[in-house]
């Protein structure tokens, strides 16, 4: 039986680069009461990983990139609006003067 080979994807989305790595599933461990896991893609950042979506062997790269981008929109960019929406303008800071300060 061949050993599992991790795959890596770097996805450029909304002006940022994201690193995804695939990990194989693990069988259940009844001694530790851990359930079995399926192979999945994980977002890697800052020495941590977050499960993004199931790994499908032989999946087309364009389809995978589209699904990973959709996952990023839902989980990383949630609440920021659609990708094409420009950022709202920043209002100028208000200038407040204290009345008791003499010049």
Protein backbone atom coordinates (compact mmCIF):
# COMPACT_ATOMS: atom_id res chain seq x y z
CA UNK A 1 0.00 0.00 0.00
CA UNK A 2 1.39 3.38 -0.98
CA UNK A 3 1.90 6.06 1.66
CA UNK A 4 -0.33 9.12 1.58
CA UNK A 5 1.25 12.12 -0.09
CA UNK A 6 0.18 15.54 1.16
CA UNK A 7 -0.75 18.09 -1.48
CA UNK A 8 -0.30 21.84 -1.14
CA UNK A 9 -2.13 24.74 -2.80
CA UNK A 10 -1.34 28.43 -2.66
CA UNK A 11 -4.41 30.46 -3.53
CA UNK A 12 -4.33 34.20 -4.26
CA UNK A 13 -7.72 35.60 -3.24
CA UNK A 14 -8.83 39.18 -2.52
CA UNK A 15 -5.28 40.45 -2.56
CA UNK A 16 -3.92 37.88 -0.11
CA UNK A 17 -2.16 34.53 -0.45
CA UNK A 18 -3.51 31.51 1.42
CA UNK A 19 -1.75 28.19 1.96
CA UNK A 20 -3.80 24.96 2.02
CA UNK A 21 -2.46 21.47 2.77
CA UNK A 22 -4.26 18.14 2.40
CA UNK A 23 -4.06 15.61 5.22
CA UNK A 24 -5.11 11.98 5.19
CA UNK A 25 -7.91 10.76 7.39
CA UNK A 26 -7.30 8.84 10.59
CA UNK A 27 -9.02 5.69 11.81
CA UNK A 28 -11.04 5.87 15.02
CA UNK A 29 -9.15 5.41 18.27
CA UNK A 30 -11.48 3.67 20.73
CA UNK A 31 -9.01 3.92 23.61
CA UNK A 32 -9.03 7.72 23.41
CA UNK A 33 -12.66 7.94 22.23
CA UNK A 34 -11.56 9.73 19.06
CA UNK A 35 -13.77 9.34 15.99
CA UNK A 36 -12.41 8.52 12.54
CA UNK A 37 -11.66 11.45 10.24
CA UNK A 38 -11.83 11.73 6.47
CA UNK A 39 -9.07 13.21 4.25
CA UNK A 40 -9.43 16.99 4.16
CA UNK A 41 -7.93 20.30 3.06
CA UNK A 42 -6.68 22.56 5.84
CA UNK A 43 -5.89 26.28 5.82
CA UNK A 44 -2.41 26.84 7.28
CA UNK A 45 -1.60 30.13 8.99
CA UNK A 46 0.57 31.17 11.89
CA UNK A 47 1.54 27.63 12.84
CA UNK A 48 -2.12 26.57 13.11
CA UNK A 49 -4.47 24.74 10.79
CA UNK A 50 -8.21 24.89 10.21
CA UNK A 51 -10.18 22.22 8.37
CA UNK A 52 -11.63 23.74 5.23
CA UNK A 53 -13.27 21.00 3.16
CA UNK A 54 -13.07 17.31 2.24
CA UNK A 55 -10.18 16.15 0.08
CA UNK A 56 -11.27 14.54 -3.20
CA UNK A 57 -8.56 12.63 -5.02
CA UNK A 58 -8.19 13.65 -8.67
CA UNK A 59 -10.27 16.83 -8.30
CA UNK A 60 -9.68 19.37 -11.09
CA UNK A 61 -7.46 22.30 -10.02
CA UNK A 62 -9.89 24.96 -11.27
CA UNK A 63 -12.77 23.37 -9.37
CA UNK A 64 -10.64 23.02 -6.22
CA UNK A 65 -9.52 26.67 -6.38
CA UNK A 66 -13.13 27.78 -6.82
CA UNK A 67 -14.28 25.74 -3.81
CA UNK A 68 -11.40 26.96 -1.64
CA UNK A 69 -12.15 30.58 -2.63
CA UNK A 70 -15.82 30.07 -1.72
CA UNK A 71 -14.74 28.65 1.65
CA UNK A 72 -12.51 31.69 2.24
CA UNK A 73 -15.39 34.04 1.39
CA UNK A 74 -17.65 32.26 3.88
CA UNK A 75 -15.20 31.76 6.75
CA UNK A 76 -12.41 34.33 6.43
CA UNK A 77 -14.06 37.26 4.66
CA UNK A 78 -17.54 36.86 6.20
CA UNK A 79 -19.23 40.22 6.61
CA UNK A 80 -16.90 42.08 4.26
CA UNK A 81 -19.35 42.10 1.37
CA UNK A 82 -18.88 40.72 -2.12
CA UNK A 83 -15.31 40.54 -3.50
CA UNK A 84 -15.95 43.33 -6.02
CA UNK A 85 -17.35 45.80 -3.47
CA UNK A 86 -14.93 48.66 -2.84
CA UNK A 87 -14.06 49.49 0.74
CA UNK A 88 -16.17 52.31 2.15
CA UNK A 89 -14.34 55.63 2.38
CA UNK A 90 -12.83 56.44 5.74
CA UNK A 91 -14.35 59.60 7.20
CA UNK A 92 -11.86 62.28 8.20
CA UNK A 93 -11.10 62.44 11.90
CA UNK A 94 -13.18 65.00 13.67
CA UNK A 95 -11.34 68.00 15.03
CA UNK A 96 -12.42 68.75 18.54
CA UNK A 97 -11.17 71.71 20.52
CA UNK A 98 -11.47 72.02 24.19
CA UNK A 99 -13.12 75.26 25.22
CA UNK A 100 -11.00 75.67 28.34
CA UNK A 101 -7.67 75.61 26.45
CA UNK A 102 -6.22 79.07 25.85
CA UNK A 103 -4.04 79.81 22.87
